[in-house]
């Protein structure tokens, strides 16, 4: 006899709210895992972040951005600069200091 009371656990992914785009900048997002997203933030030429932002923001199935959903804007005042090089579908970021 089949036990009809057995139930499979069902988990439905909760999408995250849209991650804000930094003023004077842009964000690049891609699908990640099942129903998730991963985003990186970038500043327009002549602008930079006043302090180093997270390397990436990730949204899994729980509906929350990690490490957080706070996005700083890009400004003309910079403490450091980042440069981005795109090679195919891979993106490399490196840091240099202007002496």
N, C-alpha and C. Protein backbone atom coordinates (compact mmCIF):
# COMPACT_ATOMS: atom_id res chain seq x y z
N UNK A 1 0.84 -1.17 0.00
CA UNK A 1 0.00 0.00 0.00
C UNK A 1 0.89 1.25 0.00
N UNK A 2 0.51 2.26 -0.73
CA UNK A 2 1.26 3.50 -0.86
C UNK A 2 0.79 4.48 0.20
N UNK A 3 1.79 5.07 0.88
CA UNK A 3 1.49 6.09 1.89
C UNK A 3 1.29 7.43 1.18
N UNK A 4 0.06 7.89 1.08
CA UNK A 4 -0.25 9.13 0.37
C UNK A 4 -0.02 10.37 1.23
N UNK A 5 0.35 10.21 2.48
CA UNK A 5 0.57 11.37 3.34
C UNK A 5 1.98 11.93 3.17
N UNK A 6 2.88 11.19 2.50
CA UNK A 6 4.24 11.68 2.29
C UNK A 6 4.23 12.86 1.34
N UNK A 7 4.92 13.91 1.70
CA UNK A 7 4.98 15.11 0.86
C UNK A 7 6.44 15.46 0.61
N UNK A 8 6.72 15.83 -0.63
CA UNK A 8 8.06 16.29 -0.98
C UNK A 8 8.19 17.75 -0.58
N UNK A 9 9.34 18.12 0.01
CA UNK A 9 9.52 19.55 0.33
C UNK A 9 9.66 20.34 -0.97
N UNK A 10 9.01 21.46 -1.03
CA UNK A 10 9.05 22.31 -2.21
C UNK A 10 9.60 23.67 -1.82
N UNK A 11 10.63 24.05 -2.50
CA UNK A 11 11.25 25.34 -2.23
C UNK A 11 11.14 26.21 -3.48
N UNK A 12 10.56 27.38 -3.34
CA UNK A 12 10.40 28.30 -4.45
C UNK A 12 11.34 29.48 -4.24
N UNK A 13 12.17 29.75 -5.23
CA UNK A 13 13.13 30.85 -5.13
C UNK A 13 12.40 32.18 -5.07
N UNK A 14 12.85 33.05 -4.19
CA UNK A 14 12.31 34.40 -4.08
C UNK A 14 13.26 35.35 -4.80
N UNK A 15 12.80 36.04 -5.85
CA UNK A 15 13.72 36.94 -6.56
C UNK A 15 14.06 38.17 -5.71
N UNK A 16 15.26 38.69 -5.91
CA UNK A 16 15.67 39.91 -5.23
C UNK A 16 15.07 41.12 -5.93
N UNK A 17 14.88 42.20 -5.18
CA UNK A 17 14.54 43.48 -5.80
C UNK A 17 15.71 43.87 -6.68
N UNK A 18 15.47 44.75 -7.63
CA UNK A 18 16.52 45.18 -8.53
C UNK A 18 17.60 45.92 -7.75
N UNK A 19 18.86 45.55 -7.96
CA UNK A 19 19.98 46.23 -7.31
C UNK A 19 20.12 47.61 -7.94
N UNK A 20 20.25 48.66 -7.13
CA UNK A 20 20.37 50.01 -7.71
C UNK A 20 21.64 50.14 -8.57
N UNK A 21 21.58 51.02 -9.56
CA UNK A 21 22.73 51.35 -10.39
C UNK A 21 23.39 52.58 -9.79
N UNK A 22 24.72 52.57 -9.64
CA UNK A 22 25.36 53.75 -9.05
C UNK A 22 25.24 54.97 -9.96
N UNK A 23 25.03 56.15 -9.35
CA UNK A 23 25.02 57.38 -10.12
C UNK A 23 26.40 57.57 -10.73
N UNK A 24 26.47 58.03 -11.97
CA UNK A 24 27.72 58.18 -12.72
C UNK A 24 28.42 56.85 -12.94
N UNK A 25 27.62 55.78 -13.03
CA UNK A 25 28.20 54.46 -13.23
C UNK A 25 27.22 53.50 -13.87
N UNK A 26 27.54 52.23 -13.79
CA UNK A 26 26.71 51.19 -14.40
C UNK A 26 26.85 49.91 -13.59
N UNK A 27 25.96 48.97 -13.84
CA UNK A 27 26.07 47.65 -13.24
C UNK A 27 25.97 46.62 -14.35
N UNK A 28 26.62 45.49 -14.15
CA UNK A 28 26.56 44.38 -15.09
C UNK A 28 26.10 43.16 -14.31
N UNK A 29 24.99 42.56 -14.75
CA UNK A 29 24.42 41.41 -14.04
C UNK A 29 24.28 40.22 -14.98
N UNK A 30 24.33 39.04 -14.39
CA UNK A 30 24.15 37.82 -15.16
C UNK A 30 23.41 36.82 -14.27
N UNK A 31 22.80 35.83 -14.90
CA UNK A 31 22.11 34.78 -14.15
C UNK A 31 23.14 33.98 -13.38
N UNK A 32 22.72 33.53 -12.19
CA UNK A 32 23.61 32.76 -11.33
C UNK A 32 22.80 31.70 -10.63
N UNK A 33 23.26 30.49 -10.70
CA UNK A 33 22.58 29.35 -10.12
C UNK A 33 21.12 29.30 -10.58
N UNK A 34 20.27 28.70 -9.79
CA UNK A 34 18.86 28.55 -10.17
C UNK A 34 18.06 29.75 -9.70
N UNK A 35 17.74 30.66 -10.61
CA UNK A 35 16.92 31.83 -10.29
C UNK A 35 17.67 32.97 -9.62
N UNK A 36 18.99 32.90 -9.54
CA UNK A 36 19.75 33.94 -8.89
C UNK A 36 20.42 34.88 -9.88
N UNK A 37 21.11 35.88 -9.34
CA UNK A 37 21.85 36.86 -10.15
C UNK A 37 23.15 37.18 -9.47
N UNK A 38 24.13 37.58 -10.27
CA UNK A 38 25.37 38.12 -9.73
C UNK A 38 25.65 39.41 -10.50
N UNK A 39 26.01 40.48 -9.78
CA UNK A 39 26.22 41.78 -10.40
C UNK A 39 27.55 42.38 -9.96
N UNK A 40 28.15 43.14 -10.85
CA UNK A 40 29.33 43.94 -10.54
C UNK A 40 29.00 45.39 -10.86
N UNK A 41 29.64 46.31 -10.14
CA UNK A 41 29.40 47.74 -10.33
C UNK A 41 30.62 48.39 -10.97
N UNK A 42 30.38 49.40 -11.79
CA UNK A 42 31.45 50.07 -12.51
C UNK A 42 31.15 51.57 -12.55
N UNK A 43 32.21 52.38 -12.62
CA UNK A 43 32.06 53.83 -12.73
C UNK A 43 32.39 54.30 -14.14
N UNK A 44 31.72 55.38 -14.55
CA UNK A 44 32.02 56.00 -15.84
C UNK A 44 33.43 56.57 -15.82
N UNK A 45 33.98 56.81 -17.00
CA UNK A 45 35.31 57.42 -17.13
C UNK A 45 35.33 58.75 -16.39
N UNK A 46 36.37 58.99 -15.59
CA UNK A 46 36.49 60.22 -14.82
C UNK A 46 35.86 60.15 -13.45
N UNK A 47 35.22 59.03 -13.13
CA UNK A 47 34.58 58.84 -11.83
C UNK A 47 35.12 57.57 -11.20
N UNK A 48 34.97 57.47 -9.89
CA UNK A 48 35.37 56.26 -9.19
C UNK A 48 34.62 56.20 -7.86
N UNK A 49 34.70 55.07 -7.19
CA UNK A 49 34.10 54.92 -5.88
C UNK A 49 35.02 55.56 -4.85
N UNK A 50 34.44 56.21 -3.86
CA UNK A 50 35.22 56.85 -2.80
C UNK A 50 35.88 55.79 -1.91
N UNK A 51 35.25 54.64 -1.76
CA UNK A 51 35.83 53.52 -1.02
C UNK A 51 35.53 52.24 -1.80
N UNK A 52 36.33 51.25 -1.58
CA UNK A 52 36.23 50.02 -2.37
C UNK A 52 34.89 49.33 -2.12
N UNK A 53 34.13 49.08 -3.19
CA UNK A 53 32.86 48.36 -3.05
C UNK A 53 33.12 46.86 -3.03
N UNK A 54 32.12 46.04 -2.71
CA UNK A 54 32.29 44.59 -2.81
C UNK A 54 32.68 44.21 -4.25
N UNK A 55 33.43 43.13 -4.40
CA UNK A 55 33.82 42.69 -5.74
C UNK A 55 32.62 42.29 -6.57
N UNK A 56 31.59 41.75 -5.91
CA UNK A 56 30.35 41.43 -6.61
C UNK A 56 29.21 41.35 -5.59
N UNK A 57 28.00 41.44 -6.11
CA UNK A 57 26.78 41.28 -5.32
C UNK A 57 26.08 40.04 -5.85
N UNK A 58 25.61 39.19 -4.96
CA UNK A 58 24.95 37.94 -5.37
C UNK A 58 23.57 37.85 -4.76
N UNK A 59 22.64 37.37 -5.56
CA UNK A 59 21.28 37.11 -5.09
C UNK A 59 20.98 35.64 -5.34
N UNK A 60 20.81 34.89 -4.27
CA UNK A 60 20.44 33.49 -4.40
C UNK A 60 18.94 33.35 -4.37
N UNK A 61 18.47 32.22 -3.92
CA UNK A 61 17.04 31.97 -3.88
C UNK A 61 16.31 32.58 -2.71
N UNK A 62 17.05 33.19 -1.76
CA UNK A 62 16.42 33.74 -0.56
C UNK A 62 15.85 35.13 -0.70
N UNK A 63 16.08 35.78 -1.86
CA UNK A 63 15.50 37.10 -2.09
C UNK A 63 16.28 38.25 -1.48
N UNK A 64 17.53 38.01 -1.04
CA UNK A 64 18.35 39.08 -0.46
C UNK A 64 19.70 39.15 -1.16
N UNK A 65 20.16 40.39 -1.39
CA UNK A 65 21.48 40.60 -1.98
C UNK A 65 22.55 40.40 -0.92
N UNK A 66 23.60 39.73 -1.31
CA UNK A 66 24.76 39.53 -0.44
C UNK A 66 25.98 40.16 -1.09
N UNK A 67 26.83 40.87 -0.40
CA UNK A 67 26.83 40.99 1.05
C UNK A 67 25.77 41.94 1.58
N UNK A 68 25.20 42.81 0.76
CA UNK A 68 24.13 43.73 1.16
C UNK A 68 23.57 44.36 -0.11
N UNK A 69 22.55 45.19 0.03
CA UNK A 69 21.95 45.83 -1.16
C UNK A 69 22.23 47.32 -1.23
N UNK A 70 23.22 47.79 -0.46
CA UNK A 70 23.59 49.19 -0.47
C UNK A 70 24.64 49.44 -1.55
N UNK A 71 24.34 50.36 -2.47
CA UNK A 71 25.24 50.67 -3.58
C UNK A 71 25.67 52.12 -3.45
N UNK A 72 26.98 52.35 -3.41
CA UNK A 72 27.47 53.72 -3.35
C UNK A 72 27.57 54.30 -4.76
N UNK A 73 27.43 55.59 -4.86
CA UNK A 73 27.54 56.26 -6.15
C UNK A 73 28.99 56.52 -6.51
N UNK A 74 29.24 56.74 -7.78
CA UNK A 74 30.58 57.09 -8.25
C UNK A 74 30.73 58.61 -8.18
N UNK A 75 31.92 59.06 -7.82
CA UNK A 75 32.16 60.50 -7.72
C UNK A 75 33.49 60.85 -8.37
N UNK A 76 33.75 62.14 -8.53
CA UNK A 76 35.01 62.60 -9.10
C UNK A 76 36.15 62.52 -8.10
N UNK A 77 35.82 62.45 -6.81
CA UNK A 77 36.83 62.33 -5.76
C UNK A 77 37.16 60.85 -5.62
N UNK A 78 38.43 60.50 -5.79
CA UNK A 78 38.79 59.09 -5.69
C UNK A 78 39.96 58.89 -4.74
N UNK A 79 39.90 57.80 -4.02
CA UNK A 79 41.00 57.40 -3.17
C UNK A 79 41.84 56.34 -3.86
N UNK A 80 41.27 55.66 -4.80
CA UNK A 80 41.96 54.65 -5.58
C UNK A 80 41.23 54.53 -6.91
N UNK A 81 41.82 53.85 -7.85
CA UNK A 81 41.18 53.66 -9.14
C UNK A 81 41.23 52.20 -9.51
N UNK A 82 40.18 51.75 -10.19
CA UNK A 82 40.15 50.38 -10.71
C UNK A 82 40.06 50.44 -12.21
N UNK A 83 40.62 49.49 -12.83
CA UNK A 83 40.55 49.38 -14.29
C UNK A 83 39.95 48.02 -14.61
N UNK A 84 39.19 47.94 -15.66
CA UNK A 84 38.53 46.71 -16.05
C UNK A 84 39.00 46.32 -17.44
N UNK A 85 39.30 45.06 -17.60
CA UNK A 85 39.68 44.53 -18.91
C UNK A 85 38.73 43.38 -19.24
N UNK A 86 38.07 43.45 -20.37
CA UNK A 86 37.15 42.39 -20.78
C UNK A 86 37.83 41.53 -21.84
N UNK A 87 37.87 40.25 -21.58
CA UNK A 87 38.44 39.29 -22.52
C UNK A 87 37.39 38.21 -22.76
N UNK A 88 36.68 38.30 -23.86
CA UNK A 88 35.61 37.34 -24.12
C UNK A 88 34.53 37.51 -23.09
N UNK A 89 34.17 36.42 -22.44
CA UNK A 89 33.14 36.46 -21.40
C UNK A 89 33.74 36.57 -20.01
N UNK A 90 35.06 36.64 -19.92
CA UNK A 90 35.70 36.79 -18.62
C UNK A 90 36.05 38.24 -18.38
N UNK A 91 35.89 38.70 -17.15
CA UNK A 91 36.21 40.08 -16.82
C UNK A 91 37.23 40.06 -15.70
N UNK A 92 38.31 40.79 -15.89
CA UNK A 92 39.36 40.89 -14.89
C UNK A 92 39.42 42.32 -14.40
N UNK A 93 39.52 42.50 -13.09
CA UNK A 93 39.67 43.83 -12.53
C UNK A 93 40.99 43.88 -11.81
N UNK A 94 41.69 44.97 -11.98
CA UNK A 94 42.94 45.14 -11.28
C UNK A 94 43.01 46.56 -10.74
N UNK A 95 43.87 46.75 -9.75
CA UNK A 95 43.96 48.03 -9.06
C UNK A 95 45.34 48.61 -9.28
N UNK A 96 45.40 49.90 -9.52
CA UNK A 96 46.69 50.57 -9.58
C UNK A 96 46.59 51.88 -8.83
N UNK A 97 47.69 52.33 -8.32
CA UNK A 97 47.72 53.58 -7.58
C UNK A 97 48.52 54.59 -8.39
N UNK A 98 47.98 55.79 -8.51
CA UNK A 98 48.64 56.87 -9.24
C UNK A 98 49.53 57.63 -8.26
N UNK A 99 50.84 57.57 -8.46
CA UNK A 99 51.78 58.21 -7.51
C UNK A 99 52.18 59.56 -8.03
